Amino acid sequence: LLAADLAEVVAYAQARAGIAAAPHVVGHSFGGLVVQEAIASGRLRPTSLVLMCTGRGALPGQRAAELAPLIAALDEHDLATIWQIMRDMEEAEDAVRPAPEVMDFLERRWHANSPAQLRAFATMLMTQAPLTERVAAVAADLPMTVMWGERDDAWPVADQAAMAQALGAAAVELPGLGHSPNAEDPRATTAALLRAWRP
């Protein structure tokens, strides 16, 4: 359904702008799974594809294991309480914290969600079957780039590099950045995207 929504939004934007050419598409994090499904299912054929800080399918290992308690917490707590619990857990684990302005952005984005949406997304992130091979089978000639932050803590960096190889895509690591490079360093991220779009 999300892949169909994406294709519909792209078609609507093209019609409104009067542009026949297919767009360049960037799929970040969960959005990377959505755009891979849209391409693999034949709903979308962009001019180029950038997969940023995303993976082949479900989150692996510990990151996936952390989602089950989140789903349970959504039945018991409001979003503000869950946000504070997550922050307390990160501090206890001495996790690397983004810059304050990035944390502000992430908190605003968190509160803009709905519990039903978060529950559905978390379930998909735990169960999504691999998509990359399906994309490669139907889009071998599509210019693709796999891009990640050096400190990305979602899909392992090694997995993202392997995904680039499986797709025959350019592999780009953004030094010093994490899972939200567009928020952490917009200039560096923009420069990397422009290089991907104008090789």
N, C-alpha and C. Protein backbone atom coordinates (compact mmCIF):
# COMPACT_ATOMS: atom_id res chain seq x y z
N LEU A 1 0.82 -1.20 0.00
CA LEU A 1 0.00 0.00 0.00
C LEU A 1 0.86 1.26 0.00
N LEU A 2 1.92 1.25 0.78
CA LEU A 2 2.80 2.43 0.82
C LEU A 2 3.52 2.62 -0.51
N ALA A 3 3.92 1.52 -1.13
CA ALA A 3 4.56 1.61 -2.45
C ALA A 3 3.59 2.18 -3.48
N ALA A 4 2.34 1.77 -3.41
CA ALA A 4 1.32 2.31 -4.31
C ALA A 4 1.10 3.79 -4.05
N ASP A 5 1.08 4.17 -2.77
CA ASP A 5 0.95 5.59 -2.41
C ASP A 5 2.09 6.41 -2.99
N LEU A 6 3.32 5.88 -2.87
CA LEU A 6 4.48 6.59 -3.40
C LEU A 6 4.35 6.81 -4.89
N ALA A 7 3.99 5.77 -5.62
CA ALA A 7 3.84 5.89 -7.07
C ALA A 7 2.76 6.91 -7.42
N GLU A 8 1.68 6.94 -6.65
CA GLU A 8 0.60 7.88 -6.91
C GLU A 8 1.05 9.32 -6.66
N VAL A 9 1.81 9.54 -5.57
CA VAL A 9 2.31 10.87 -5.26
C VAL A 9 3.25 11.36 -6.36
N VAL A 10 4.14 10.48 -6.84
CA VAL A 10 5.06 10.84 -7.90
C VAL A 10 4.30 11.23 -9.16
N ALA A 11 3.30 10.42 -9.53
CA ALA A 11 2.52 10.71 -10.73
C ALA A 11 1.77 12.04 -10.59
N TYR A 12 1.22 12.29 -9.42
CA TYR A 12 0.50 13.54 -9.17
C TYR A 12 1.44 14.74 -9.29
N ALA A 13 2.64 14.62 -8.67
CA ALA A 13 3.59 15.72 -8.73
C ALA A 13 4.04 16.00 -10.17
N GLN A 14 4.27 14.94 -10.93
CA GLN A 14 4.65 15.12 -12.34
C GLN A 14 3.55 15.84 -13.12
N ALA A 15 2.30 15.44 -12.89
CA ALA A 15 1.19 16.05 -13.60
C ALA A 15 1.03 17.52 -13.22
N ARG A 16 1.13 17.81 -11.92
CA ARG A 16 0.97 19.19 -11.46
C ARG A 16 2.08 20.08 -12.00
N ALA A 17 3.30 19.54 -12.08
CA ALA A 17 4.43 20.33 -12.54
C ALA A 17 4.57 20.33 -14.06
N GLY A 18 3.78 19.48 -14.73
CA GLY A 18 3.89 19.39 -16.18
C GLY A 18 5.21 18.82 -16.64
N ILE A 19 5.75 17.88 -15.88
CA ILE A 19 7.05 17.28 -16.20
C ILE A 19 6.84 15.82 -16.58
N ALA A 20 7.30 15.45 -17.77
CA ALA A 20 7.13 14.07 -18.22
C ALA A 20 8.25 13.16 -17.71
N ALA A 21 9.44 13.74 -17.52
CA ALA A 21 10.59 12.93 -17.12
C ALA A 21 10.39 12.36 -15.72
N ALA A 22 10.83 11.13 -15.55
CA ALA A 22 10.74 10.49 -14.24
C ALA A 22 11.69 11.19 -13.26
N PRO A 23 11.33 11.22 -11.97
CA PRO A 23 12.17 11.92 -10.99
C PRO A 23 13.35 11.08 -10.53
N HIS A 24 14.29 11.76 -9.91
CA HIS A 24 15.30 11.09 -9.09
C HIS A 24 14.62 10.80 -7.75
N VAL A 25 14.82 9.61 -7.21
CA VAL A 25 14.15 9.23 -5.97
C VAL A 25 15.19 8.87 -4.91
N VAL A 26 14.96 9.39 -3.71
CA VAL A 26 15.80 9.05 -2.55
C VAL A 26 14.92 8.34 -1.53
N GLY A 27 15.34 7.15 -1.12
CA GLY A 27 14.63 6.41 -0.09
C GLY A 27 15.49 6.33 1.16
N HIS A 28 15.07 7.02 2.23
CA HIS A 28 15.85 7.06 3.47
C HIS A 28 15.22 6.14 4.52
N SER A 29 16.03 5.30 5.15
CA SER A 29 15.61 4.45 6.26
C SER A 29 14.40 3.60 5.86
N PHE A 30 13.29 3.70 6.58
CA PHE A 30 12.09 2.93 6.21
C PHE A 30 11.64 3.27 4.80
N GLY A 31 11.82 4.53 4.41
CA GLY A 31 11.47 4.94 3.05
C GLY A 31 12.24 4.18 1.99
N GLY A 32 13.45 3.72 2.34
CA GLY A 32 14.22 2.91 1.40
C GLY A 32 13.54 1.59 1.11
N LEU A 33 12.87 1.02 2.12
CA LEU A 33 12.13 -0.22 1.89
C LEU A 33 10.92 0.04 1.01
N VAL A 34 10.24 1.17 1.25
CA VAL A 34 9.06 1.50 0.46
C VAL A 34 9.42 1.68 -1.00
N VAL A 35 10.48 2.43 -1.28
CA VAL A 35 10.84 2.69 -2.67
C VAL A 35 11.35 1.42 -3.35
N GLN A 36 12.04 0.55 -2.61
CA GLN A 36 12.47 -0.72 -3.21
C GLN A 36 11.26 -1.56 -3.62
N GLU A 37 10.22 -1.59 -2.77
CA GLU A 37 9.00 -2.33 -3.11
C GLU A 37 8.32 -1.70 -4.32
N ALA A 38 8.30 -0.36 -4.38
CA ALA A 38 7.65 0.31 -5.51
C ALA A 38 8.34 -0.03 -6.82
N ILE A 39 9.66 -0.11 -6.80
CA ILE A 39 10.41 -0.44 -8.02
C ILE A 39 10.29 -1.93 -8.34
N ALA A 40 10.45 -2.77 -7.32
CA ALA A 40 10.40 -4.22 -7.54
C ALA A 40 9.04 -4.67 -8.07
N SER A 41 7.99 -3.99 -7.66
CA SER A 41 6.64 -4.37 -8.09
C SER A 41 6.22 -3.71 -9.40
N GLY A 42 7.11 -2.90 -9.96
CA GLY A 42 6.82 -2.26 -11.24
C GLY A 42 5.96 -1.02 -11.15
N ARG A 43 5.71 -0.53 -9.94
CA ARG A 43 4.86 0.65 -9.78
C ARG A 43 5.61 1.95 -10.10
N LEU A 44 6.94 1.92 -9.97
CA LEU A 44 7.73 3.15 -10.10
C LEU A 44 9.00 2.86 -10.88
N ARG A 45 9.33 3.77 -11.78
CA ARG A 45 10.58 3.65 -12.54
C ARG A 45 11.23 5.04 -12.56
N PRO A 46 12.08 5.34 -11.57
CA PRO A 46 12.68 6.67 -11.51
C PRO A 46 13.84 6.81 -12.49
N THR A 47 14.33 8.03 -12.62
CA THR A 47 15.53 8.28 -13.43
C THR A 47 16.77 7.73 -12.74
N SER A 48 16.79 7.85 -11.42
CA SER A 48 17.87 7.26 -10.62
C SER A 48 17.34 7.00 -9.22
N LEU A 49 18.07 6.17 -8.48
CA LEU A 49 17.66 5.79 -7.14
C LEU A 49 18.83 5.95 -6.17
N VAL A 50 18.59 6.62 -5.07
CA VAL A 50 19.54 6.67 -3.96
C VAL A 50 18.87 6.00 -2.76
N LEU A 51 19.50 4.97 -2.24
CA LEU A 51 19.05 4.32 -1.01
C LEU A 51 19.96 4.80 0.11
N MET A 52 19.40 5.52 1.07
CA MET A 52 20.22 6.17 2.09
C MET A 52 19.89 5.63 3.48
N CYS A 53 20.91 5.07 4.13
CA CYS A 53 20.77 4.58 5.50
C CYS A 53 19.60 3.61 5.61
N THR A 54 19.58 2.64 4.73
CA THR A 54 18.51 1.66 4.70
C THR A 54 19.10 0.28 4.43
N GLY A 55 18.24 -0.72 4.26
CA GLY A 55 18.76 -2.06 4.08
C GLY A 55 17.97 -2.87 3.08
N ARG A 56 18.30 -4.16 3.01
CA ARG A 56 17.64 -5.08 2.07
C ARG A 56 16.21 -5.39 2.49
N GLY A 57 15.98 -5.41 3.80
CA GLY A 57 14.68 -5.79 4.35
C GLY A 57 14.64 -5.46 5.83
N ALA A 58 14.15 -6.40 6.64
CA ALA A 58 13.97 -6.16 8.07
C ALA A 58 15.28 -5.75 8.74
N LEU A 59 15.14 -4.95 9.79
CA LEU A 59 16.31 -4.62 10.60
C LEU A 59 16.87 -5.91 11.21
N PRO A 60 18.18 -6.02 11.29
CA PRO A 60 18.77 -7.24 11.85
C PRO A 60 19.01 -7.14 13.35
N GLY A 61 19.16 -8.29 13.98
CA GLY A 61 19.69 -8.40 15.33
C GLY A 61 19.02 -7.55 16.39
N GLN A 62 19.87 -6.86 17.15
CA GLN A 62 19.41 -6.11 18.30
C GLN A 62 18.44 -5.01 17.95
N ARG A 63 18.65 -4.34 16.81
CA ARG A 63 17.73 -3.26 16.43
C ARG A 63 16.32 -3.79 16.22
N ALA A 64 16.19 -4.96 15.62
CA ALA A 64 14.86 -5.55 15.45
C ALA A 64 14.28 -5.98 16.80
N ALA A 65 15.12 -6.53 17.66
CA ALA A 65 14.67 -6.98 18.97
C ALA A 65 14.12 -5.83 19.81
N GLU A 66 14.62 -4.62 19.57
CA GLU A 66 14.17 -3.45 20.34
C GLU A 66 12.75 -3.01 19.95
N LEU A 67 12.26 -3.48 18.81
CA LEU A 67 10.97 -3.01 18.32
C LEU A 67 9.78 -3.68 19.02
N ALA A 68 9.94 -4.92 19.45
CA ALA A 68 8.83 -5.61 20.13
C ALA A 68 8.41 -4.87 21.41
N PRO A 69 9.37 -4.45 22.26
CA PRO A 69 8.96 -3.67 23.44
C PRO A 69 8.31 -2.34 23.07
N LEU A 70 8.73 -1.76 21.94
CA LEU A 70 8.11 -0.51 21.50
C LEU A 70 6.64 -0.74 21.18
N ILE A 71 6.35 -1.82 20.46
CA ILE A 71 4.96 -2.13 20.11
C ILE A 71 4.14 -2.33 21.38
N ALA A 72 4.72 -3.03 22.36
CA ALA A 72 4.00 -3.24 23.63
C ALA A 72 3.79 -1.92 24.36
N ALA A 73 4.80 -1.05 24.34
CA ALA A 73 4.70 0.23 25.04
C ALA A 73 3.62 1.12 24.45
N LEU A 74 3.39 1.00 23.14
CA LEU A 74 2.37 1.82 22.50
C LEU A 74 0.97 1.51 23.01
N ASP A 75 0.80 0.32 23.58
CA ASP A 75 -0.50 -0.05 24.15
C ASP A 75 -0.68 0.50 25.56
N GLU A 76 0.43 0.97 26.18
CA GLU A 76 0.37 1.35 27.58
C GLU A 76 0.69 2.83 27.83
N HIS A 77 1.45 3.46 26.94
CA HIS A 77 1.94 4.81 27.22
C HIS A 77 1.66 5.75 26.04
N ASP A 78 1.67 7.05 26.33
CA ASP A 78 1.56 8.02 25.24
C ASP A 78 2.93 8.25 24.62
N LEU A 79 2.96 8.97 23.50
CA LEU A 79 4.21 9.15 22.76
C LEU A 79 5.25 9.91 23.56
N ALA A 80 4.82 10.88 24.36
CA ALA A 80 5.77 11.66 25.15
C ALA A 80 6.48 10.78 26.17
N THR A 81 5.74 9.89 26.81
CA THR A 81 6.34 8.99 27.80
C THR A 81 7.31 8.02 27.13
N ILE A 82 6.92 7.48 25.99
CA ILE A 82 7.80 6.53 25.29
C ILE A 82 9.07 7.24 24.83
N TRP A 83 8.95 8.47 24.34
CA TRP A 83 10.13 9.22 23.93
C TRP A 83 11.12 9.35 25.09
N GLN A 84 10.62 9.68 26.27
CA GLN A 84 11.50 9.84 27.42
C GLN A 84 12.14 8.51 27.82
N ILE A 85 11.36 7.44 27.75
CA ILE A 85 11.92 6.11 28.06
C ILE A 85 13.06 5.78 27.09
N MET A 86 12.86 6.05 25.80
CA MET A 86 13.91 5.76 24.82
C MET A 86 15.16 6.59 25.09
N ARG A 87 14.98 7.86 25.46
CA ARG A 87 16.13 8.71 25.74
C ARG A 87 16.88 8.21 26.97
N ASP A 88 16.14 7.79 28.02
CA ASP A 88 16.77 7.27 29.23
C ASP A 88 17.56 6.01 28.93
N MET A 89 17.02 5.15 28.06
CA MET A 89 17.73 3.92 27.70
C MET A 89 19.02 4.24 26.96
N GLU A 90 18.98 5.21 26.06
CA GLU A 90 20.19 5.58 25.31
C GLU A 90 21.26 6.13 26.24
N GLU A 91 20.84 6.93 27.21
CA GLU A 91 21.81 7.48 28.15
C GLU A 91 22.43 6.38 29.00
N ALA A 92 21.61 5.41 29.41
CA ALA A 92 22.12 4.30 30.21
C ALA A 92 23.11 3.46 29.43
N GLU A 93 22.89 3.35 28.12
CA GLU A 93 23.79 2.58 27.27
C GLU A 93 24.98 3.39 26.78
N ASP A 94 25.03 4.68 27.17
CA ASP A 94 26.10 5.58 26.73
C ASP A 94 26.18 5.64 25.22
N ALA A 95 25.01 5.67 24.58
CA ALA A 95 24.96 5.72 23.11
C ALA A 95 25.42 7.09 22.62
N VAL A 96 25.95 7.12 21.38
CA VAL A 96 26.36 8.38 20.77
C VAL A 96 25.10 9.20 20.49
N ARG A 97 25.07 10.42 21.00
CA ARG A 97 23.89 11.27 20.83
C ARG A 97 24.13 12.27 19.70
N PRO A 98 23.14 12.47 18.86
CA PRO A 98 23.26 13.48 17.81
C PRO A 98 23.36 14.88 18.41
N ALA A 99 23.70 15.85 17.57
CA ALA A 99 23.75 17.24 18.00
C ALA A 99 22.38 17.68 18.50
N PRO A 100 22.33 18.69 19.38
CA PRO A 100 21.04 19.13 19.96
C PRO A 100 19.99 19.47 18.92
N GLU A 101 20.40 20.15 17.83
CA GLU A 101 19.40 20.53 16.83
C GLU A 101 18.84 19.30 16.12
N VAL A 102 19.66 18.24 15.98
CA VAL A 102 19.18 17.00 15.38
C VAL A 102 18.21 16.30 16.34
N MET A 103 18.56 16.30 17.62
CA MET A 103 17.65 15.71 18.61
C MET A 103 16.31 16.43 18.63
N ASP A 104 16.34 17.76 18.50
CA ASP A 104 15.09 18.51 18.46
C ASP A 104 14.24 18.08 17.26
N PHE A 105 14.91 17.93 16.10
CA PHE A 105 14.21 17.48 14.89
C PHE A 105 13.61 16.10 15.09
N LEU A 106 14.38 15.18 15.67
CA LEU A 106 13.91 13.81 15.86
C LEU A 106 12.74 13.77 16.84
N GLU A 107 12.79 14.61 17.87
CA GLU A 107 11.70 14.64 18.84
C GLU A 107 10.42 15.19 18.20
N ARG A 108 10.55 16.26 17.41
CA ARG A 108 9.37 16.80 16.73
C ARG A 108 8.77 15.77 15.79
N ARG A 109 9.65 15.06 15.06
CA ARG A 109 9.16 14.05 14.13
C ARG A 109 8.46 12.92 14.88
N TRP A 110 9.02 12.51 16.02
CA TRP A 110 8.40 11.44 16.82
C TRP A 110 6.99 11.82 17.24
N HIS A 111 6.81 13.04 17.73
CA HIS A 111 5.50 13.45 18.23
C HIS A 111 4.49 13.68 17.11
N ALA A 112 4.96 13.80 15.88
CA ALA A 112 4.07 13.97 14.74
C ALA A 112 3.48 12.64 14.26
N ASN A 113 3.96 11.53 14.81
CA ASN A 113 3.45 10.21 14.43
C ASN A 113 2.13 9.91 15.12
N SER A 114 1.50 8.85 14.66
CA SER A 114 0.35 8.30 15.37
C SER A 114 0.75 6.92 15.89
N PRO A 115 0.19 6.49 17.03
CA PRO A 115 0.54 5.16 17.55
C PRO A 115 0.26 4.04 16.55
N ALA A 116 -0.84 4.14 15.81
CA ALA A 116 -1.16 3.09 14.84
C ALA A 116 -0.10 3.02 13.75
N GLN A 117 0.36 4.18 13.29
CA GLN A 117 1.41 4.22 12.28
C GLN A 117 2.70 3.60 12.81
N LEU A 118 3.10 3.99 14.02
CA LEU A 118 4.34 3.48 14.60
C LEU A 118 4.27 1.96 14.79
N ARG A 119 3.10 1.47 15.20
CA ARG A 119 2.94 0.03 15.40
C ARG A 119 3.09 -0.71 14.07
N ALA A 120 2.49 -0.19 13.02
CA ALA A 120 2.57 -0.83 11.71
C ALA A 120 4.00 -0.77 11.17
N PHE A 121 4.65 0.39 11.29
CA PHE A 121 6.02 0.52 10.79
C PHE A 121 6.97 -0.41 11.53
N ALA A 122 6.81 -0.47 12.87
CA ALA A 122 7.69 -1.33 13.66
C ALA A 122 7.52 -2.79 13.25
N THR A 123 6.28 -3.20 13.02
CA THR A 123 6.02 -4.58 12.59
C THR A 123 6.69 -4.87 11.25
N MET A 124 6.58 -3.93 10.31
CA MET A 124 7.21 -4.12 9.01
C MET A 124 8.73 -4.16 9.13
N LEU A 125 9.28 -3.32 10.00
CA LEU A 125 10.74 -3.32 10.17
C LEU A 125 11.24 -4.62 10.80
N MET A 126 10.37 -5.34 11.49
CA MET A 126 10.75 -6.62 12.07
C MET A 126 10.57 -7.78 11.09
N THR A 127 9.70 -7.62 10.09
CA THR A 127 9.28 -8.78 9.29
C THR A 127 9.52 -8.66 7.79
N GLN A 128 9.94 -7.49 7.31
CA GLN A 128 10.05 -7.27 5.87
C GLN A 128 11.02 -8.26 5.21
N ALA A 129 10.53 -8.99 4.22
CA ALA A 129 11.39 -9.91 3.47
C ALA A 129 12.40 -9.11 2.64
N PRO A 130 13.53 -9.71 2.30
CA PRO A 130 14.54 -9.00 1.49
C PRO A 130 13.96 -8.52 0.17
N LEU A 131 14.35 -7.30 -0.21
CA LEU A 131 13.83 -6.66 -1.42
C LEU A 131 14.88 -6.48 -2.50
N THR A 132 16.13 -6.42 -2.10
CA THR A 132 17.19 -6.00 -3.01
C THR A 132 17.29 -6.87 -4.25
N GLU A 133 17.17 -8.18 -4.09
CA GLU A 133 17.30 -9.08 -5.23
C GLU A 133 16.17 -8.84 -6.24
N ARG A 134 14.97 -8.53 -5.73
CA ARG A 134 13.85 -8.23 -6.62
C ARG A 134 14.10 -6.93 -7.39
N VAL A 135 14.68 -5.94 -6.71
CA VAL A 135 15.01 -4.68 -7.38
C VAL A 135 16.04 -4.92 -8.47
N ALA A 136 17.09 -5.67 -8.14
CA ALA A 136 18.16 -5.93 -9.12
C ALA A 136 17.62 -6.67 -10.34
N ALA A 137 16.63 -7.53 -10.13
CA ALA A 137 16.11 -8.33 -11.24
C ALA A 137 15.35 -7.48 -12.25
N VAL A 138 14.72 -6.40 -11.80
CA VAL A 138 13.89 -5.60 -12.72
C VAL A 138 14.52 -4.26 -13.08
N ALA A 139 15.61 -3.90 -12.41
CA ALA A 139 16.17 -2.55 -12.62
C ALA A 139 17.69 -2.58 -12.72
N ALA A 140 18.22 -3.57 -13.42
CA ALA A 140 19.67 -3.70 -13.52
C ALA A 140 20.32 -2.50 -14.19
N ASP A 141 19.58 -1.81 -15.06
CA ASP A 141 20.15 -0.68 -15.78
C ASP A 141 19.83 0.67 -15.14
N LEU A 142 19.20 0.65 -13.98
CA LEU A 142 18.84 1.89 -13.29
C LEU A 142 20.06 2.42 -12.53
N PRO A 143 20.45 3.69 -12.75
CA PRO A 143 21.57 4.26 -11.96
C PRO A 143 21.20 4.29 -10.48
N MET A 144 22.01 3.64 -9.67
CA MET A 144 21.71 3.53 -8.24
C MET A 144 22.92 3.88 -7.40
N THR A 145 22.65 4.46 -6.23
CA THR A 145 23.67 4.76 -5.24
C THR A 145 23.16 4.30 -3.88
N VAL A 146 24.00 3.63 -3.13
CA VAL A 146 23.69 3.31 -1.74
C VAL A 146 24.58 4.20 -0.88
N MET A 147 23.94 4.96 -0.01
CA MET A 147 24.63 5.99 0.77
C MET A 147 24.32 5.79 2.25
N TRP A 148 25.33 5.93 3.09
CA TRP A 148 25.10 5.76 4.52
C TRP A 148 26.06 6.65 5.31
N GLY A 149 25.66 6.93 6.54
CA GLY A 149 26.54 7.65 7.46
C GLY A 149 27.52 6.68 8.10
N GLU A 150 28.72 7.13 8.29
CA GLU A 150 29.76 6.29 8.88
C GLU A 150 29.33 5.73 10.23
N ARG A 151 28.53 6.48 10.99
CA ARG A 151 28.10 6.07 12.33
C ARG A 151 26.65 5.59 12.34
N ASP A 152 26.13 5.21 11.19
CA ASP A 152 24.74 4.73 11.12
C ASP A 152 24.56 3.57 12.09
N ASP A 153 23.51 3.65 12.93
CA ASP A 153 23.29 2.61 13.94
C ASP A 153 22.01 1.81 13.68
N ALA A 154 21.48 1.89 12.46
CA ALA A 154 20.29 1.10 12.13
C ALA A 154 20.75 -0.17 11.40
N TRP A 155 20.64 -0.21 10.09
CA TRP A 155 21.20 -1.34 9.35
C TRP A 155 22.73 -1.23 9.40
N PRO A 156 23.44 -2.33 9.69
CA PRO A 156 24.90 -2.25 9.79
C PRO A 156 25.52 -1.72 8.50
N VAL A 157 26.57 -0.94 8.66
CA VAL A 157 27.26 -0.34 7.52
C VAL A 157 27.73 -1.43 6.56
N ALA A 158 28.24 -2.53 7.10
CA ALA A 158 28.71 -3.61 6.24
C ALA A 158 27.58 -4.18 5.40
N ASP A 159 26.38 -4.26 5.97
CA ASP A 159 25.23 -4.76 5.22
C ASP A 159 24.85 -3.79 4.10
N GLN A 160 24.97 -2.50 4.37
CA GLN A 160 24.64 -1.52 3.34
C GLN A 160 25.66 -1.56 2.20
N ALA A 161 26.92 -1.76 2.55
CA ALA A 161 27.94 -1.89 1.51
C ALA A 161 27.69 -3.14 0.67
N ALA A 162 27.29 -4.23 1.31
CA ALA A 162 26.98 -5.46 0.58
C ALA A 162 25.76 -5.27 -0.32
N MET A 163 24.79 -4.47 0.15
CA MET A 163 23.62 -4.20 -0.67
C MET A 163 24.02 -3.44 -1.93
N ALA A 164 24.93 -2.47 -1.78
CA ALA A 164 25.41 -1.73 -2.94
C ALA A 164 26.03 -2.67 -3.96
N GLN A 165 26.83 -3.60 -3.47
CA GLN A 165 27.48 -4.56 -4.38
C GLN A 165 26.45 -5.43 -5.08
N ALA A 166 25.43 -5.88 -4.33
CA ALA A 166 24.40 -6.74 -4.92
C ALA A 166 23.60 -6.02 -5.99
N LEU A 167 23.44 -4.70 -5.82
CA LEU A 167 22.68 -3.91 -6.79
C LEU A 167 23.54 -3.38 -7.94
N GLY A 168 24.85 -3.55 -7.83
CA GLY A 168 25.74 -2.92 -8.81
C GLY A 168 25.69 -1.42 -8.69
N ALA A 169 25.48 -0.93 -7.46
CA ALA A 169 25.31 0.51 -7.21
C ALA A 169 26.60 1.13 -6.71
N ALA A 170 26.71 2.44 -6.90
CA ALA A 170 27.81 3.19 -6.29
C ALA A 170 27.62 3.16 -4.78
N ALA A 171 28.71 3.07 -4.04
CA ALA A 171 28.67 3.04 -2.57
C ALA A 171 29.31 4.32 -2.04
N VAL A 172 28.57 5.04 -1.20
CA VAL A 172 29.04 6.32 -0.68
C VAL A 172 28.88 6.33 0.84
N GLU A 173 30.00 6.50 1.54
CA GLU A 173 29.95 6.66 2.99
C GLU A 173 30.16 8.13 3.34
N LEU A 174 29.31 8.65 4.23
CA LEU A 174 29.40 10.04 4.66
C LEU A 174 30.15 10.09 5.99
N PRO A 175 31.39 10.57 5.97
CA PRO A 175 32.23 10.52 7.18
C PRO A 175 31.63 11.27 8.36
N GLY A 176 31.69 10.63 9.53
CA GLY A 176 31.29 11.27 10.77
C GLY A 176 29.80 11.40 10.99
N LEU A 177 28.98 10.96 10.04
CA LEU A 177 27.54 11.14 10.16
C LEU A 177 26.86 9.82 10.56
N GLY A 178 25.63 9.95 11.05
CA GLY A 178 24.90 8.80 11.53
C GLY A 178 23.72 8.44 10.65
N HIS A 179 22.58 8.13 11.27
CA HIS A 179 21.44 7.61 10.53
C HIS A 179 20.59 8.71 9.87
N SER A 180 20.79 9.95 10.27
CA SER A 180 20.02 11.05 9.68
C SER A 180 20.97 12.10 9.10
N PRO A 181 21.77 11.74 8.10
CA PRO A 181 22.78 12.67 7.59
C PRO A 181 22.19 13.95 7.04
N ASN A 182 20.98 13.87 6.48
CA ASN A 182 20.34 15.07 5.95
C ASN A 182 20.06 16.09 7.04
N ALA A 183 19.82 15.63 8.27
CA ALA A 183 19.60 16.55 9.40
C ALA A 183 20.92 16.92 10.06
N GLU A 184 21.87 15.98 10.10
CA GLU A 184 23.12 16.21 10.80
C GLU A 184 24.06 17.15 10.03
N ASP A 185 24.12 16.98 8.72
CA ASP A 185 24.99 17.83 7.90
C ASP A 185 24.34 18.00 6.53
N PRO A 186 23.39 18.92 6.42
CA PRO A 186 22.67 19.10 5.15
C PRO A 186 23.59 19.41 3.98
N ARG A 187 24.63 20.19 4.20
CA ARG A 187 25.53 20.56 3.10
C ARG A 187 26.24 19.34 2.53
N ALA A 188 26.80 18.51 3.42
CA ALA A 188 27.52 17.33 2.95
C ALA A 188 26.57 16.35 2.27
N THR A 189 25.37 16.21 2.82
CA THR A 189 24.40 15.29 2.24
C THR A 189 23.95 15.78 0.87
N THR A 190 23.68 17.08 0.77
CA THR A 190 23.27 17.66 -0.51
C THR A 190 24.35 17.48 -1.56
N ALA A 191 25.60 17.72 -1.19
CA ALA A 191 26.71 17.56 -2.13
C ALA A 191 26.81 16.12 -2.62
N ALA A 192 26.62 15.17 -1.70
CA ALA A 192 26.69 13.75 -2.09
C ALA A 192 25.53 13.39 -3.01
N LEU A 193 24.35 13.92 -2.73
CA LEU A 193 23.20 13.64 -3.59
C LEU A 193 23.40 14.24 -4.99
N LEU A 194 23.92 15.45 -5.05
CA LEU A 194 24.15 16.07 -6.36
C LEU A 194 25.15 15.27 -7.17
N ARG A 195 26.16 14.72 -6.50
CA ARG A 195 27.13 13.86 -7.23
C ARG A 195 26.46 12.60 -7.74
N ALA A 196 25.51 12.07 -6.96
CA ALA A 196 24.78 10.86 -7.38
C ALA A 196 23.88 11.15 -8.57
N TRP A 197 23.28 12.35 -8.58
CA TRP A 197 22.35 12.71 -9.64
C TRP A 197 23.04 13.20 -10.90
N ARG A 198 24.27 13.70 -10.74
CA ARG A 198 25.00 14.22 -11.89
C ARG A 198 26.39 13.61 -11.95
N PRO A 199 26.46 12.31 -12.22
CA PRO A 199 27.77 11.63 -12.19
C PRO A 199 28.70 12.16 -13.28
